[in-house]
Amino acid sequence: MSYQIETRLKGGNPVVQICDASSGSVRLAWEYPRASPELSSADDEALLALRKDEAVHELFRRLFLLTTEQYLKGEVTAIPEER
């Protein structure tokens, strides 16, 4: 199965969307958390930093699960060689 990967910036935040190339169905959609304008205290900033770290971890977890699903379905036959 091949994928079409779309990336863009939405208001300065990265957005990733991975679609199945043959069906066009969205397999993964992810957006980096936005900073809220009402954040004022150091606690709020620390909470936002934590949310951003968690969002990146969640992205890699979902990418891992998507790849694992491909292997389990037999859609990946060989590991591509680096160029």
N, C-alpha and C. Protein backbone atom coordinates (compact mmCIF):
# COMPACT_ATOMS: atom_id res chain seq x y z
N MET A 1 0.85 -1.16 0.00
CA MET A 1 0.00 0.00 0.00
C MET A 1 0.90 1.23 0.00
N SER A 2 0.62 2.14 -0.87
CA SER A 2 1.39 3.38 -0.90
C SER A 2 0.54 4.51 -0.32
N TYR A 3 1.24 5.52 0.16
CA TYR A 3 0.58 6.63 0.84
C TYR A 3 0.97 7.94 0.19
N GLN A 4 0.08 8.89 0.28
CA GLN A 4 0.36 10.26 -0.11
C GLN A 4 0.44 11.05 1.19
N ILE A 5 1.57 11.71 1.41
CA ILE A 5 1.79 12.46 2.64
C ILE A 5 1.71 13.95 2.33
N GLU A 6 0.79 14.62 2.99
CA GLU A 6 0.61 16.05 2.82
C GLU A 6 1.03 16.76 4.10
N THR A 7 1.86 17.76 3.95
CA THR A 7 2.27 18.57 5.10
C THR A 7 2.03 20.04 4.76
N ARG A 8 1.71 20.80 5.79
CA ARG A 8 1.52 22.23 5.60
C ARG A 8 1.60 22.93 6.95
N LEU A 9 1.62 24.24 6.90
CA LEU A 9 1.57 25.04 8.11
C LEU A 9 0.19 25.67 8.20
N LYS A 10 -0.44 25.56 9.35
CA LYS A 10 -1.75 26.15 9.58
C LYS A 10 -1.60 27.12 10.75
N GLY A 11 -1.54 28.38 10.43
CA GLY A 11 -1.34 29.38 11.47
C GLY A 11 0.01 29.24 12.16
N GLY A 12 1.01 28.79 11.45
CA GLY A 12 2.34 28.62 12.02
C GLY A 12 2.57 27.27 12.69
N ASN A 13 1.55 26.42 12.74
CA ASN A 13 1.67 25.10 13.35
C ASN A 13 1.71 24.03 12.26
N PRO A 14 2.62 23.06 12.39
CA PRO A 14 2.69 22.00 11.39
C PRO A 14 1.47 21.08 11.44
N VAL A 15 1.06 20.65 10.24
CA VAL A 15 -0.06 19.73 10.07
C VAL A 15 0.40 18.61 9.14
N VAL A 16 0.10 17.37 9.49
CA VAL A 16 0.45 16.21 8.67
C VAL A 16 -0.81 15.42 8.39
N GLN A 17 -0.97 15.00 7.13
CA GLN A 17 -2.09 14.13 6.77
C GLN A 17 -1.54 13.05 5.85
N ILE A 18 -1.80 11.79 6.22
CA ILE A 18 -1.35 10.65 5.43
C ILE A 18 -2.58 9.96 4.88
N CYS A 19 -2.63 9.84 3.54
CA CYS A 19 -3.78 9.24 2.86
C CYS A 19 -3.34 8.01 2.08
N ASP A 20 -4.24 7.03 1.99
CA ASP A 20 -4.03 5.86 1.15
C ASP A 20 -4.05 6.36 -0.30
N ALA A 21 -3.00 6.05 -1.07
CA ALA A 21 -2.89 6.58 -2.42
C ALA A 21 -3.96 6.01 -3.35
N SER A 22 -4.38 4.77 -3.14
CA SER A 22 -5.35 4.17 -4.06
C SER A 22 -6.79 4.58 -3.73
N SER A 23 -7.16 4.59 -2.46
CA SER A 23 -8.55 4.91 -2.11
C SER A 23 -8.75 6.38 -1.72
N GLY A 24 -7.68 7.05 -1.34
CA GLY A 24 -7.79 8.44 -0.90
C GLY A 24 -8.25 8.60 0.53
N SER A 25 -8.47 7.47 1.24
CA SER A 25 -8.93 7.56 2.63
C SER A 25 -7.81 8.07 3.53
N VAL A 26 -8.18 8.88 4.50
CA VAL A 26 -7.21 9.44 5.44
C VAL A 26 -6.84 8.37 6.44
N ARG A 27 -5.56 8.08 6.54
CA ARG A 27 -5.07 7.07 7.48
C ARG A 27 -4.57 7.71 8.77
N LEU A 28 -4.09 8.94 8.69
CA LEU A 28 -3.59 9.64 9.87
C LEU A 28 -3.71 11.14 9.63
N ALA A 29 -4.24 11.85 10.59
CA ALA A 29 -4.31 13.32 10.54
C ALA A 29 -3.80 13.83 11.88
N TRP A 30 -2.89 14.80 11.83
CA TRP A 30 -2.27 15.29 13.05
C TRP A 30 -1.97 16.77 12.90
N GLU A 31 -2.19 17.52 14.00
CA GLU A 31 -1.86 18.94 14.03
C GLU A 31 -1.17 19.25 15.35
N TYR A 32 -0.09 20.00 15.28
CA TYR A 32 0.65 20.42 16.46
C TYR A 32 -0.22 21.35 17.29
N PRO A 33 -0.23 21.22 18.61
CA PRO A 33 -1.08 22.09 19.45
C PRO A 33 -0.74 23.58 19.29
N ARG A 34 -1.77 24.37 19.29
CA ARG A 34 -1.60 25.82 19.17
C ARG A 34 -1.44 26.46 20.54
N ALA A 35 -0.72 27.55 20.56
CA ALA A 35 -0.60 28.33 21.79
C ALA A 35 -1.89 29.13 21.96
N SER A 36 -2.41 29.14 23.15
CA SER A 36 -3.64 29.87 23.42
C SER A 36 -3.28 31.30 23.84
N PRO A 37 -3.98 32.30 23.31
CA PRO A 37 -3.66 33.69 23.67
C PRO A 37 -3.90 34.02 25.13
N GLU A 38 -4.75 33.25 25.82
CA GLU A 38 -5.03 33.57 27.23
C GLU A 38 -4.00 32.98 28.18
N LEU A 39 -2.96 32.31 27.65
CA LEU A 39 -1.91 31.80 28.53
C LEU A 39 -1.09 32.97 29.07
N SER A 40 -1.00 33.03 30.38
CA SER A 40 -0.26 34.16 30.95
C SER A 40 0.75 33.71 32.00
N SER A 41 0.42 32.72 32.77
CA SER A 41 1.30 32.34 33.86
C SER A 41 2.33 31.31 33.40
N ALA A 42 3.35 31.13 34.21
CA ALA A 42 4.38 30.15 33.92
C ALA A 42 3.81 28.74 33.95
N ASP A 43 2.80 28.51 34.80
CA ASP A 43 2.15 27.19 34.85
C ASP A 43 1.46 26.89 33.53
N ASP A 44 0.79 27.90 32.96
CA ASP A 44 0.12 27.71 31.67
C ASP A 44 1.13 27.40 30.58
N GLU A 45 2.26 28.09 30.60
CA GLU A 45 3.31 27.85 29.60
C GLU A 45 3.88 26.44 29.76
N ALA A 46 4.06 26.01 30.99
CA ALA A 46 4.58 24.66 31.24
C ALA A 46 3.57 23.61 30.77
N LEU A 47 2.29 23.87 30.97
CA LEU A 47 1.25 22.95 30.52
C LEU A 47 1.24 22.88 29.00
N LEU A 48 1.39 23.99 28.31
CA LEU A 48 1.43 24.00 26.85
C LEU A 48 2.65 23.22 26.34
N ALA A 49 3.80 23.41 26.99
CA ALA A 49 5.00 22.68 26.59
C ALA A 49 4.79 21.17 26.75
N LEU A 50 4.13 20.78 27.82
CA LEU A 50 3.83 19.37 28.04
C LEU A 50 2.89 18.83 26.96
N ARG A 51 1.86 19.60 26.62
CA ARG A 51 0.93 19.18 25.57
C ARG A 51 1.64 19.03 24.23
N LYS A 52 2.57 19.92 23.93
CA LYS A 52 3.32 19.83 22.67
C LYS A 52 4.19 18.58 22.65
N ASP A 53 4.86 18.29 23.75
CA ASP A 53 5.67 17.06 23.82
C ASP A 53 4.80 15.83 23.65
N GLU A 54 3.65 15.82 24.31
CA GLU A 54 2.74 14.68 24.19
C GLU A 54 2.22 14.53 22.76
N ALA A 55 1.98 15.63 22.08
CA ALA A 55 1.49 15.58 20.71
C ALA A 55 2.52 14.95 19.78
N VAL A 56 3.77 15.29 19.97
CA VAL A 56 4.83 14.70 19.14
C VAL A 56 4.96 13.21 19.43
N HIS A 57 4.89 12.82 20.69
CA HIS A 57 4.94 11.40 21.05
C HIS A 57 3.75 10.66 20.43
N GLU A 58 2.58 11.26 20.47
CA GLU A 58 1.39 10.65 19.89
C GLU A 58 1.54 10.47 18.38
N LEU A 59 2.13 11.46 17.70
CA LEU A 59 2.36 11.34 16.26
C LEU A 59 3.23 10.14 15.96
N PHE A 60 4.34 9.99 16.65
CA PHE A 60 5.24 8.86 16.39
C PHE A 60 4.60 7.52 16.78
N ARG A 61 3.79 7.51 17.81
CA ARG A 61 3.08 6.29 18.19
C ARG A 61 2.12 5.86 17.09
N ARG A 62 1.39 6.82 16.56
CA ARG A 62 0.43 6.51 15.50
C ARG A 62 1.14 6.09 14.21
N LEU A 63 2.27 6.71 13.90
CA LEU A 63 3.05 6.29 12.72
C LEU A 63 3.56 4.87 12.90
N PHE A 64 4.02 4.53 14.10
CA PHE A 64 4.48 3.18 14.39
C PHE A 64 3.34 2.18 14.20
N LEU A 65 2.15 2.50 14.74
CA LEU A 65 1.01 1.60 14.60
C LEU A 65 0.58 1.44 13.15
N LEU A 66 0.65 2.49 12.36
CA LEU A 66 0.31 2.42 10.95
C LEU A 66 1.27 1.50 10.22
N THR A 67 2.56 1.63 10.51
CA THR A 67 3.57 0.77 9.88
C THR A 67 3.40 -0.68 10.32
N THR A 68 3.13 -0.89 11.60
CA THR A 68 2.92 -2.25 12.11
C THR A 68 1.72 -2.89 11.44
N GLU A 69 0.65 -2.13 11.25
CA GLU A 69 -0.53 -2.65 10.56
C GLU A 69 -0.16 -3.11 9.15
N GLN A 70 0.66 -2.34 8.45
CA GLN A 70 1.09 -2.72 7.10
C GLN A 70 1.85 -4.05 7.13
N TYR A 71 2.76 -4.20 8.06
CA TYR A 71 3.52 -5.44 8.16
C TYR A 71 2.61 -6.63 8.47
N LEU A 72 1.67 -6.46 9.39
CA LEU A 72 0.78 -7.55 9.76
C LEU A 72 -0.15 -7.96 8.61
N LYS A 73 -0.52 -7.01 7.78
CA LYS A 73 -1.37 -7.32 6.63
C LYS A 73 -0.57 -7.84 5.44
N GLY A 74 0.77 -7.86 5.57
CA GLY A 74 1.61 -8.33 4.48
C GLY A 74 1.75 -7.34 3.34
N GLU A 75 1.49 -6.07 3.62
CA GLU A 75 1.57 -5.04 2.59
C GLU A 75 2.99 -4.54 2.38
N VAL A 76 3.89 -4.86 3.30
CA VAL A 76 5.29 -4.47 3.17
C VAL A 76 6.07 -5.75 2.94
N THR A 77 6.73 -5.84 1.80
CA THR A 77 7.46 -7.06 1.47
C THR A 77 8.94 -6.96 1.77
N ALA A 78 9.49 -5.78 1.68
CA ALA A 78 10.93 -5.61 1.94
C ALA A 78 11.17 -4.23 2.52
N ILE A 79 12.22 -4.13 3.28
CA ILE A 79 12.63 -2.85 3.83
C ILE A 79 13.39 -2.11 2.75
N PRO A 80 12.99 -0.90 2.39
CA PRO A 80 13.69 -0.15 1.35
C PRO A 80 15.12 0.17 1.74
N GLU A 81 16.00 0.13 0.77
CA GLU A 81 17.41 0.45 1.02
C GLU A 81 17.59 1.96 1.04
N GLU A 82 18.52 2.42 1.88
CA GLU A 82 18.83 3.85 1.91
C GLU A 82 19.61 4.20 0.68
N ARG A 83 19.38 5.42 0.20
CA ARG A 83 20.09 5.88 -1.00
C ARG A 83 21.23 6.76 -0.64
